[in-house]
Amino acid sequence: MAILTISRKYGSGGREIGHAVADLLRYDYVDRKRILDDIAKAGQTWGEFAKQYDEKQPSVYERYKWSFRGFVALNQAQILEYALHDNVVIMGRGGNFLLRGIPFAFRIHIKASMNDRIDWLVKREGIDSENARWLIGKVDKEMGGAVYLIYGSAWDDPKHYDRVFDMSTQKADEIIAAIKDDVLKRASASTEKARQVLQLRALAAKVRARIAIEPTFPISALDVRPKEEGLIQYGIIVRGVVYNKSAIGPIQEAARKLCGEVPVEFELQYRWHPRLGEWHFK
């Protein structure tokens, strides 16, 4: 059992590669539409927020909004939930960053030359080469900006991937075969310890999303992650700054409910906000 994450340059043919590998290995295929549909299940409001923020570089104002932080948290929680199922191809969505260090995850990036990307768009979309070049530049800027804001790294930096494939220099059949071989090899790394790491990572993301989307939780600088004790990860730690002392108890209760028997610790600090003052629940 293994996981494949694919990051791709727009117009590189990466989506077609992903579909081909999923069909070949009989893996579940998870793309943008499925994730956005899942986010919408959190409520109609979140479906609208997803359309507003998805794969777009947020403005200076938007990046600090509660809705943007909630969207990001929901997106990450959904990706890790799918990863728990194994035998899955995850297209984009920052999966390569979220699954860093998981030995049975194969994280790849697919690129192509600008000329080949333009030709691909001209054929697929029926637009001229000038508009194709403009569209590629726009998508690259938006996606690159969004990824850098969320993960603090360039989305096309090779060091964030296990392997990079170039559709301009390699044949699609060769790339598909190489991906298949590597994915099958990584399946043997799905040990109990490795799966526990992923399970705790997914649980932390679930807790983060639960707290982040709750409008009555006035919290900022939220960080939820597995607690490490030496080389063993067991438990969740929740950190954040709260603008209402009375919110601390409900936040803790919500986290404990999701964690069940998994230990959870809190480092929640109260800080009076100079503009908001002391928030009150309604």
C-alpha atoms as a PDB file:
ATOM      1  CA  MET A   1       0.000   0.000   0.000  1.00  0.00           C
ATOM      2  CA  ALA A   2       1.408   3.385  -0.987  1.00  0.00           C
ATOM      3  CA  ILE A   3       0.549   7.001  -1.737  1.00  0.00           C
ATOM      4  CA  LEU A   4       1.448   9.037  -4.821  1.00  0.00           C
ATOM      5  CA  THR A   5       1.368  12.838  -4.759  1.00  0.00           C
ATOM      6  CA  ILE A   6       1.704  14.733  -8.023  1.00  0.00           C
ATOM      7  CA  SER A   7       2.535  18.404  -8.331  1.00  0.00           C
ATOM      8  CA  ARG A   8       2.503  19.671 -11.897  1.00  0.00           C
ATOM      9  CA  LYS A   9       3.137  22.690 -14.029  1.00  0.00           C
ATOM     10  CA  TYR A  10      -0.024  23.866 -15.730  1.00  0.00           C
ATOM     11  CA  GLY A  11      -0.085  22.479 -19.249  1.00  0.00           C
ATOM     12  CA  SER A  12       2.572  19.832 -18.608  1.00  0.00           C
ATOM     13  CA  GLY A  13       0.238  16.846 -18.943  1.00  0.00           C
ATOM     14  CA  GLY A  14       0.623  15.933 -15.282  1.00  0.00           C
ATOM     15  CA  ARG A  15      -3.082  15.380 -14.780  1.00  0.00           C
ATOM     16  CA  GLU A  16      -3.138  12.825 -17.604  1.00  0.00           C
ATOM     17  CA  ILE A  17      -0.145  11.052 -16.057  1.00  0.00           C
ATOM     18  CA  GLY A  18      -1.967  10.924 -12.735  1.00  0.00           C
ATOM     19  CA  HIS A  19      -5.078   9.390 -14.274  1.00  0.00           C
ATOM     20  CA  ALA A  20      -2.990   6.820 -16.159  1.00  0.00           C
ATOM     21  CA  VAL A  21      -1.093   5.721 -13.039  1.00  0.00           C
ATOM     22  CA  ALA A  22      -4.291   5.528 -10.985  1.00  0.00           C
ATOM     23  CA  ASP A  23      -5.931   3.347 -13.631  1.00  0.00           C
ATOM     24  CA  LEU A  24      -2.854   1.145 -13.963  1.00  0.00           C
ATOM     25  CA  LEU A  25      -2.502   0.542 -10.214  1.00  0.00           C
ATOM     26  CA  ARG A  26      -6.253   0.698  -9.531  1.00  0.00           C
ATOM     27  CA  TYR A  27      -5.629   3.508  -7.066  1.00  0.00           C
ATOM     28  CA  ASP A  28      -8.181   6.059  -5.961  1.00  0.00           C
ATOM     29  CA  TYR A  29      -7.755   9.374  -7.782  1.00  0.00           C
ATOM     30  CA  VAL A  30      -8.181  12.501  -5.658  1.00  0.00           C
ATOM     31  CA  ASP A  31      -8.120  15.860  -7.380  1.00  0.00           C
ATOM     32  CA  ARG A  32      -9.197  19.449  -6.895  1.00  0.00           C
ATOM     33  CA  LYS A  33     -12.905  18.764  -7.452  1.00  0.00           C
ATOM     34  CA  ARG A  34     -13.102  16.014  -4.831  1.00  0.00           C
ATOM     35  CA  ILE A  35     -11.322  18.093  -2.206  1.00  0.00           C
ATOM     36  CA  LEU A  36     -13.516  21.130  -2.864  1.00  0.00           C
ATOM     37  CA  ASP A  37     -16.640  18.960  -2.699  1.00  0.00           C
ATOM     38  CA  ASP A  38     -15.438  17.626   0.670  1.00  0.00           C
ATOM     39  CA  ILE A  39     -14.780  21.129   1.982  1.00  0.00           C
ATOM     40  CA  ALA A  40     -18.274  22.181   0.939  1.00  0.00           C
ATOM     41  CA  LYS A  41     -19.662  19.461   3.239  1.00  0.00           C
ATOM     42  CA  ALA A  42     -18.519  21.624   6.159  1.00  0.00           C
ATOM     43  CA  GLY A  43     -21.291  24.029   5.136  1.00  0.00           C
ATOM     44  CA  GLN A  44     -22.378  26.176   2.206  1.00  0.00           C
ATOM     45  CA  THR A  45     -20.268  29.048   3.482  1.00  0.00           C
ATOM     46  CA  TRP A  46     -17.114  26.966   3.238  1.00  0.00           C
ATOM     47  CA  GLY A  47     -18.024  25.877  -0.270  1.00  0.00           C
ATOM     48  CA  GLU A  48     -18.096  29.563  -1.220  1.00  0.00           C
ATOM     49  CA  PHE A  49     -14.822  30.263   0.565  1.00  0.00           C
ATOM     50  CA  ALA A  50     -13.226  27.356  -1.316  1.00  0.00           C
ATOM     51  CA  LYS A  51     -14.206  28.889  -4.655  1.00  0.00           C
ATOM     52  CA  GLN A  52     -12.835  32.222  -3.510  1.00  0.00           C
ATOM     53  CA  TYR A  53      -9.429  31.029  -2.301  1.00  0.00           C
ATOM     54  CA  ASP A  54      -8.633  27.828  -4.200  1.00  0.00           C
ATOM     55  CA  GLU A  55      -5.282  27.893  -6.025  1.00  0.00           C
ATOM     56  CA  LYS A  56      -5.190  31.674  -5.889  1.00  0.00           C
ATOM     57  CA  GLN A  57      -2.686  33.939  -4.246  1.00  0.00           C
ATOM     58  CA  PRO A  58      -4.595  35.722  -1.464  1.00  0.00           C
ATOM     59  CA  SER A  59      -4.294  39.448  -1.023  1.00  0.00           C
ATOM     60  CA  VAL A  60      -2.474  40.944   1.949  1.00  0.00           C
ATOM     61  CA  TYR A  61      -5.855  41.414   3.617  1.00  0.00           C
ATOM     62  CA  GLU A  62      -7.200  37.945   2.792  1.00  0.00           C
ATOM     63  CA  ARG A  63      -4.225  36.026   4.145  1.00  0.00           C
ATOM     64  CA  TYR A  64      -5.059  37.140   7.703  1.00  0.00           C
ATOM     65  CA  LYS A  65      -8.778  36.442   7.478  1.00  0.00           C
ATOM     66  CA  TRP A  66     -10.390  33.712   9.556  1.00  0.00           C
ATOM     67  CA  SER A  67     -12.008  32.300   6.410  1.00  0.00           C
ATOM     68  CA  PHE A  68      -8.690  31.809   4.617  1.00  0.00           C
ATOM     69  CA  ARG A  69      -7.082  30.073   7.600  1.00  0.00           C
ATOM     70  CA  GLY A  70     -10.121  27.834   7.881  1.00  0.00           C
ATOM     71  CA  PHE A  71     -10.038  26.962   4.177  1.00  0.00           C
ATOM     72  CA  VAL A  72      -6.373  25.997   4.366  1.00  0.00           C
ATOM     73  CA  ALA A  73      -6.964  23.858   7.457  1.00  0.00           C
ATOM     74  CA  LEU A  74      -9.906  22.037   5.853  1.00  0.00           C
ATOM     75  CA  ASN A  75      -7.923  21.426   2.668  1.00  0.00           C
ATOM     76  CA  GLN A  76      -5.004  19.905   4.573  1.00  0.00           C
ATOM     77  CA  ALA A  77      -7.244  17.760   6.755  1.00  0.00           C
ATOM     78  CA  GLN A  78      -8.992  16.308   3.701  1.00  0.00           C
ATOM     79  CA  ILE A  79      -5.724  15.470   1.942  1.00  0.00           C
ATOM     80  CA  LEU A  80      -4.351  13.630   4.961  1.00  0.00           C
ATOM     81  CA  GLU A  81      -7.656  11.812   5.453  1.00  0.00           C
ATOM     82  CA  TYR A  82      -7.415  10.441   1.913  1.00  0.00           C
ATOM     83  CA  ALA A  83      -3.766   9.552   2.489  1.00  0.00           C
ATOM     84  CA  LEU A  84      -4.818   7.333   5.401  1.00  0.00           C
ATOM     85  CA  HIS A  85      -6.692   5.110   2.955  1.00  0.00           C
ATOM     86  CA  ASP A  86      -3.497   4.228   1.045  1.00  0.00           C
ATOM     87  CA  ASN A  87      -3.552   3.229  -2.609  1.00  0.00           C
ATOM     88  CA  VAL A  88      -4.318   6.776  -3.638  1.00  0.00           C
ATOM     89  CA  VAL A  89      -3.095   9.349  -6.161  1.00  0.00           C
ATOM     90  CA  ILE A  90      -3.345  12.876  -4.777  1.00  0.00           C
ATOM     91  CA  MET A  91      -3.127  15.617  -7.381  1.00  0.00           C
ATOM     92  CA  GLY A  92      -1.612  18.878  -6.173  1.00  0.00           C
ATOM     93  CA  ARG A  93      -3.128  20.527  -3.097  1.00  0.00           C
ATOM     94  CA  GLY A  94       0.246  20.642  -1.286  1.00  0.00           C
ATOM     95  CA  GLY A  95       0.271  16.892  -0.756  1.00  0.00           C
ATOM     96  CA  ASN A  96       4.027  16.734  -1.231  1.00  0.00           C
ATOM     97  CA  PHE A  97       4.559  19.049   1.750  1.00  0.00           C
ATOM     98  CA  LEU A  98       1.981  17.396   3.979  1.00  0.00           C
ATOM     99  CA  LEU A  99       3.417  13.917   3.364  1.00  0.00           C
ATOM    100  CA  ARG A 100       7.068  14.844   3.726  1.00  0.00           C
ATOM    101  CA  GLY A 101       8.882  12.126   5.673  1.00  0.00           C
ATOM    102  CA  ILE A 102       6.226   9.449   5.108  1.00  0.00           C
ATOM    103  CA  PRO A 103       8.280   6.551   3.653  1.00  0.00           C
ATOM    104  CA  PHE A 104       5.436   4.957   1.709  1.00  0.00           C
ATOM    105  CA  ALA A 105       4.551   8.234  -0.048  1.00  0.00           C
ATOM    106  CA  PHE A 106       6.145   8.920  -3.435  1.00  0.00           C
ATOM    107  CA  ARG A 107       6.116  12.674  -4.077  1.00  0.00           C
ATOM    108  CA  ILE A 108       6.751  13.800  -7.646  1.00  0.00           C
ATOM    109  CA  HIS A 109       6.671  16.954  -9.751  1.00  0.00           C
ATOM    110  CA  ILE A 110       5.925  17.003 -13.477  1.00  0.00           C
ATOM    111  CA  LYS A 111       7.110  19.843 -15.673  1.00  0.00           C
ATOM    112  CA  ALA A 112       7.532  20.715 -19.359  1.00  0.00           C
ATOM    113  CA  SER A 113       9.078  23.497 -21.404  1.00  0.00           C
ATOM    114  CA  MET A 114       7.096  26.688 -21.909  1.00  0.00           C
ATOM    115  CA  ASN A 115       6.757  26.004 -25.644  1.00  0.00           C
ATOM    116  CA  ASP A 116       5.370  22.514 -25.028  1.00  0.00           C
ATOM    117  CA  ARG A 117       2.959  23.829 -22.415  1.00  0.00           C
ATOM    118  CA  ILE A 118       1.739  26.495 -24.842  1.00  0.00           C
ATOM    119  CA  ASP A 119       1.260  23.904 -27.608  1.00  0.00           C
ATOM    120  CA  TRP A 120      -0.688  21.661 -25.232  1.00  0.00           C
ATOM    121  CA  LEU A 121      -3.049  24.474 -24.236  1.00  0.00           C
ATOM    122  CA  VAL A 122      -3.542  25.610 -27.817  1.00  0.00           C
ATOM    123  CA  LYS A 123      -4.620  22.091 -28.784  1.00  0.00           C
ATOM    124  CA  ARG A 124      -6.753  21.416 -25.698  1.00  0.00           C
ATOM    125  CA  GLU A 125      -8.424  24.798 -25.215  1.00  0.00           C
ATOM    126  CA  GLY A 126      -8.502  26.018 -28.794  1.00  0.00           C
ATOM    127  CA  ILE A 127      -6.858  29.344 -27.908  1.00  0.00           C
ATOM    128  CA  ASP A 128      -3.992  31.121 -29.658  1.00  0.00           C
ATOM    129  CA  SER A 129      -0.411  30.900 -28.400  1.00  0.00           C
ATOM    130  CA  GLU A 130      -0.395  34.453 -26.995  1.00  0.00           C
ATOM    131  CA  ASN A 131      -3.391  33.781 -24.768  1.00  0.00           C
ATOM    132  CA  ALA A 132      -1.945  30.409 -23.798  1.00  0.00           C
ATOM    133  CA  ARG A 133       1.295  32.048 -22.663  1.00  0.00           C
ATOM    134  CA  TRP A 134      -0.641  34.640 -20.652  1.00  0.00           C
ATOM    135  CA  LEU A 135      -2.779  31.948 -19.004  1.00  0.00           C
ATOM    136  CA  ILE A 136       0.257  29.853 -18.065  1.00  0.00           C
ATOM    137  CA  GLY A 137       1.961  32.882 -16.532  1.00  0.00           C
ATOM    138  CA  LYS A 138      -1.154  33.755 -14.544  1.00  0.00           C
ATOM    139  CA  VAL A 139      -1.651  30.219 -13.201  1.00  0.00           C
ATOM    140  CA  ASP A 140       2.040  29.837 -12.321  1.00  0.00           C
ATOM    141  CA  LYS A 141       2.007  33.113 -10.399  1.00  0.00           C
ATOM    142  CA  GLU A 142      -1.208  32.370  -8.517  1.00  0.00           C
ATOM    143  CA  MET A 143      -0.328  28.792  -7.582  1.00  0.00           C
ATOM    144  CA  GLY A 144       3.267  29.630  -6.751  1.00  0.00           C
ATOM    145  CA  GLY A 145       2.203  32.522  -4.528  1.00  0.00           C
ATOM    146  CA  ALA A 146      -0.424  30.487  -2.712  1.00  0.00           C
ATOM    147  CA  VAL A 147       1.946  27.583  -2.027  1.00  0.00           C
ATOM    148  CA  TYR A 148       4.707  29.881  -0.804  1.00  0.00           C
ATOM    149  CA  LEU A 149       2.331  31.675   1.544  1.00  0.00           C
ATOM    150  CA  ILE A 150       1.016  28.420   3.044  1.00  0.00           C
ATOM    151  CA  TYR A 151       4.176  26.294   3.117  1.00  0.00           C
ATOM    152  CA  GLY A 152       6.962  28.864   2.903  1.00  0.00           C
ATOM    153  CA  SER A 153       8.602  27.152  -0.066  1.00  0.00           C
ATOM    154  CA  ALA A 154       8.687  27.396  -3.839  1.00  0.00           C
ATOM    155  CA  TRP A 155       6.267  24.837  -5.249  1.00  0.00           C
ATOM    156  CA  ASP A 156       8.597  23.876  -8.138  1.00  0.00           C
ATOM    157  CA  ASP A 157      11.794  23.488  -6.080  1.00  0.00           C
ATOM    158  CA  PRO A 158      13.115  19.943  -6.801  1.00  0.00           C
ATOM    159  CA  LYS A 159      14.283  19.468  -3.214  1.00  0.00           C
ATOM    160  CA  HIS A 160      10.640  19.147  -2.102  1.00  0.00           C
ATOM    161  CA  TYR A 161      10.076  16.068  -4.248  1.00  0.00           C
ATOM    162  CA  ASP A 162      11.366  12.526  -4.442  1.00  0.00           C
ATOM    163  CA  ARG A 163      11.627  12.812  -8.208  1.00  0.00           C
ATOM    164  CA  VAL A 164      10.999  15.328 -10.992  1.00  0.00           C
ATOM    165  CA  PHE A 165       9.841  14.269 -14.462  1.00  0.00           C
ATOM    166  CA  ASP A 166      10.138  16.407 -17.607  1.00  0.00           C
ATOM    167  CA  MET A 167       7.502  15.750 -20.264  1.00  0.00           C
ATOM    168  CA  SER A 168       9.609  17.646 -22.800  1.00  0.00           C
ATOM    169  CA  THR A 169      12.513  15.201 -22.578  1.00  0.00           C
ATOM    170  CA  GLN A 170      10.816  11.972 -21.456  1.00  0.00           C
ATOM    171  CA  LYS A 171       8.038   9.967 -23.056  1.00  0.00           C
ATOM    172  CA  ALA A 172       4.768   9.668 -21.164  1.00  0.00           C
ATOM    173  CA  ASP A 173       4.877   5.847 -21.225  1.00  0.00           C
ATOM    174  CA  GLU A 174       8.371   5.867 -19.708  1.00  0.00           C
ATOM    175  CA  ILE A 175       7.300   8.261 -16.958  1.00  0.00           C
ATOM    176  CA  ILE A 176       4.216   6.191 -16.126  1.00  0.00           C
ATOM    177  CA  ALA A 177       6.281   2.991 -15.947  1.00  0.00           C
ATOM    178  CA  ALA A 178       8.907   4.632 -13.726  1.00  0.00           C
ATOM    179  CA  ILE A 179       6.250   5.996 -11.364  1.00  0.00           C
ATOM    180  CA  LYS A 180       4.533   2.618 -11.143  1.00  0.00           C
ATOM    181  CA  ASP A 181       7.793   0.842 -10.246  1.00  0.00           C
ATOM    182  CA  ASP A 182       8.702   3.346  -7.546  1.00  0.00           C
ATOM    183  CA  VAL A 183       5.226   3.371  -6.002  1.00  0.00           C
ATOM    184  CA  LEU A 184       5.213  -0.437  -5.749  1.00  0.00           C
ATOM    185  CA  LYS A 185       8.633  -0.400  -4.092  1.00  0.00           C
ATOM    186  CA  ARG A 186       7.502   2.111  -1.494  1.00  0.00           C
ATOM    187  CA  ALA A 187       4.512  -0.005  -0.518  1.00  0.00           C
ATOM    188  CA  SER A 188       6.834  -2.206   1.559  1.00  0.00           C
ATOM    189  CA  ALA A 189       7.674   0.828   3.733  1.00  0.00           C
ATOM    190  CA  SER A 190       4.111   0.972   5.078  1.00  0.00           C
ATOM    191  CA  THR A 191       5.143  -0.251   8.530  1.00  0.00           C
ATOM    192  CA  GLU A 192       3.130   0.103  11.712  1.00  0.00           C
ATOM    193  CA  LYS A 193       5.418   2.871  12.956  1.00  0.00           C
ATOM    194  CA  ALA A 194       5.203   4.780   9.671  1.00  0.00           C
ATOM    195  CA  ARG A 195       1.437   4.477   9.632  1.00  0.00           C
ATOM    196  CA  GLN A 196       1.229   5.747  13.220  1.00  0.00           C
ATOM    197  CA  VAL A 197       3.133   8.867  12.175  1.00  0.00           C
ATOM    198  CA  LEU A 198       0.652   9.475   9.354  1.00  0.00           C
ATOM    199  CA  GLN A 199      -2.340   8.780  11.590  1.00  0.00           C
ATOM    200  CA  LEU A 200      -1.204  11.337  14.165  1.00  0.00           C
ATOM    201  CA  ARG A 201      -0.423  13.851  11.440  1.00  0.00           C
ATOM    202  CA  ALA A 202      -3.935  13.386  10.046  1.00  0.00           C
ATOM    203  CA  LEU A 203      -5.471  13.671  13.514  1.00  0.00           C
ATOM    204  CA  ALA A 204      -3.576  16.891  14.180  1.00  0.00           C
ATOM    205  CA  ALA A 205      -4.853  18.327  10.896  1.00  0.00           C
ATOM    206  CA  LYS A 206      -8.401  17.320  11.809  1.00  0.00           C
ATOM    207  CA  VAL A 207      -8.136  19.054  15.180  1.00  0.00           C
ATOM    208  CA  ARG A 208      -6.641  22.144  13.548  1.00  0.00           C
ATOM    209  CA  ALA A 209      -9.508  22.312  11.072  1.00  0.00           C
ATOM    210  CA  ARG A 210     -12.123  21.888  13.793  1.00  0.00           C
ATOM    211  CA  ILE A 211     -10.686  24.807  15.761  1.00  0.00           C
ATOM    212  CA  ALA A 212      -9.909  26.983  12.740  1.00  0.00           C
ATOM    213  CA  ILE A 213     -13.416  26.934  11.237  1.00  0.00           C
ATOM    214  CA  GLU A 214     -15.286  27.641  14.472  1.00  0.00           C
ATOM    215  CA  PRO A 215     -16.317  31.333  14.403  1.00  0.00           C
ATOM    216  CA  THR A 216     -16.700  31.456  18.199  1.00  0.00           C
ATOM    217  CA  PHE A 217     -13.049  30.502  18.761  1.00  0.00           C
ATOM    218  CA  PRO A 218     -11.094  33.816  18.688  1.00  0.00           C
ATOM    219  CA  ILE A 219      -7.676  32.227  18.178  1.00  0.00           C
ATOM    220  CA  SER A 220      -4.659  33.155  16.099  1.00  0.00           C
ATOM    221  CA  ALA A 221      -1.220  31.690  15.420  1.00  0.00           C
ATOM    222  CA  LEU A 222      -2.837  28.260  15.654  1.00  0.00           C
ATOM    223  CA  ASP A 223      -0.450  25.324  15.478  1.00  0.00           C
ATOM    224  CA  VAL A 224      -1.555  21.721  16.016  1.00  0.00           C
ATOM    225  CA  ARG A 225       0.887  18.893  15.477  1.00  0.00           C
ATOM    226  CA  PRO A 226       1.963  15.464  16.728  1.00  0.00           C
ATOM    227  CA  LYS A 227       4.005  15.565  19.907  1.00  0.00           C
ATOM    228  CA  GLU A 228       7.419  13.983  19.553  1.00  0.00           C
ATOM    229  CA  GLU A 229       9.143  12.156  22.353  1.00  0.00           C
ATOM    230  CA  GLY A 230      12.526  11.097  21.078  1.00  0.00           C
ATOM    231  CA  LEU A 231      11.879   9.108  17.918  1.00  0.00           C
ATOM    232  CA  ILE A 232       8.359   8.207  19.007  1.00  0.00           C
ATOM    233  CA  GLN A 233       5.337  10.302  18.109  1.00  0.00           C
ATOM    234  CA  TYR A 234       2.375   9.838  20.375  1.00  0.00           C
ATOM    235  CA  GLY A 235      -0.075  12.518  21.265  1.00  0.00           C
ATOM    236  CA  ILE A 236      -1.142  15.915  19.948  1.00  0.00           C
ATOM    237  CA  ILE A 237      -0.091  19.371  21.080  1.00  0.00           C
ATOM    238  CA  VAL A 238      -2.242  22.441  20.457  1.00  0.00           C
ATOM    239  CA  ARG A 239      -0.638  25.887  20.516  1.00  0.00           C
ATOM    240  CA  GLY A 240      -2.212  29.250  19.894  1.00  0.00           C
ATOM    241  CA  VAL A 241      -3.052  32.749  21.068  1.00  0.00           C
ATOM    242  CA  VAL A 242      -6.602  33.314  22.319  1.00  0.00           C
ATOM    243  CA  TYR A 243      -8.334  36.720  22.494  1.00  0.00           C
ATOM    244  CA  ASN A 244     -10.960  35.571  24.977  1.00  0.00           C
ATOM    245  CA  LYS A 245     -10.101  33.677  28.152  1.00  0.00           C
ATOM    246  CA  SER A 246     -13.461  31.940  28.182  1.00  0.00           C
ATOM    247  CA  ALA A 247     -12.667  30.370  24.785  1.00  0.00           C
ATOM    248  CA  ILE A 248      -9.845  28.242  26.183  1.00  0.00           C
ATOM    249  CA  GLY A 249     -12.147  25.669  27.801  1.00  0.00           C
ATOM    250  CA  PRO A 250     -14.342  25.085  24.701  1.00  0.00           C
ATOM    251  CA  ILE A 251     -11.259  24.819  22.472  1.00  0.00           C
ATOM    252  CA  GLN A 252      -9.769  22.201  24.764  1.00  0.00           C
ATOM    253  CA  GLU A 253     -13.052  20.313  24.911  1.00  0.00           C
ATOM    254  CA  ALA A 254     -13.369  20.245  21.108  1.00  0.00           C
ATOM    255  CA  ALA A 255      -9.797  18.967  20.702  1.00  0.00           C
ATOM    256  CA  ARG A 256     -10.160  16.261  23.360  1.00  0.00           C
ATOM    257  CA  LYS A 257     -13.392  15.044  21.793  1.00  0.00           C
ATOM    258  CA  LEU A 258     -11.687  14.495  18.446  1.00  0.00           C
ATOM    259  CA  CYS A 259      -8.555  12.947  19.954  1.00  0.00           C
ATOM    260  CA  GLY A 260     -10.428  10.394  22.040  1.00  0.00           C
ATOM    261  CA  GLU A 261      -7.858   8.271  23.866  1.00  0.00           C
ATOM    262  CA  VAL A 262      -4.927   9.973  22.151  1.00  0.00           C
ATOM    263  CA  PRO A 263      -3.213  12.302  24.674  1.00  0.00           C
ATOM    264  CA  VAL A 264      -3.509  16.004  23.890  1.00  0.00           C
ATOM    265  CA  GLU A 265      -1.631  18.894  25.480  1.00  0.00           C
ATOM    266  CA  PHE A 266      -2.312  22.611  25.250  1.00  0.00           C
ATOM    267  CA  GLU A 267      -0.178  25.727  25.135  1.00  0.00           C
ATOM    268  CA  LEU A 268      -2.882  28.344  24.744  1.00  0.00           C
ATOM    269  CA  GLN A 269      -1.970  31.876  25.709  1.00  0.00           C
ATOM    270  CA  TYR A 270      -4.414  34.685  26.338  1.00  0.00           C
ATOM    271  CA  ARG A 271      -3.584  38.030  24.794  1.00  0.00           C
ATOM    272  CA  TRP A 272      -5.737  41.128  24.890  1.00  0.00           C
ATOM    273  CA  HIS A 273      -6.225  42.470  21.364  1.00  0.00           C
ATOM    274  CA  PRO A 274      -5.716  46.266  21.055  1.00  0.00           C
ATOM    275  CA  ARG A 275      -8.501  46.556  18.470  1.00  0.00           C
ATOM    276  CA  LEU A 276     -10.842  43.682  19.343  1.00  0.00           C
ATOM    277  CA  GLY A 277     -10.441  43.864  23.099  1.00  0.00           C
ATOM    278  CA  GLU A 278     -12.010  40.932  24.946  1.00  0.00           C
ATOM    279  CA  TRP A 279     -14.209  38.887  22.598  1.00  0.00           C
ATOM    280  CA  HIS A 280     -17.431  37.471  23.908  1.00  0.00           C
ATOM    281  CA  PHE A 281     -19.384  34.416  22.849  1.00  0.00           C
ATOM    282  CA  LYS A 282     -22.856  34.842  21.434  1.00  0.00           C
END
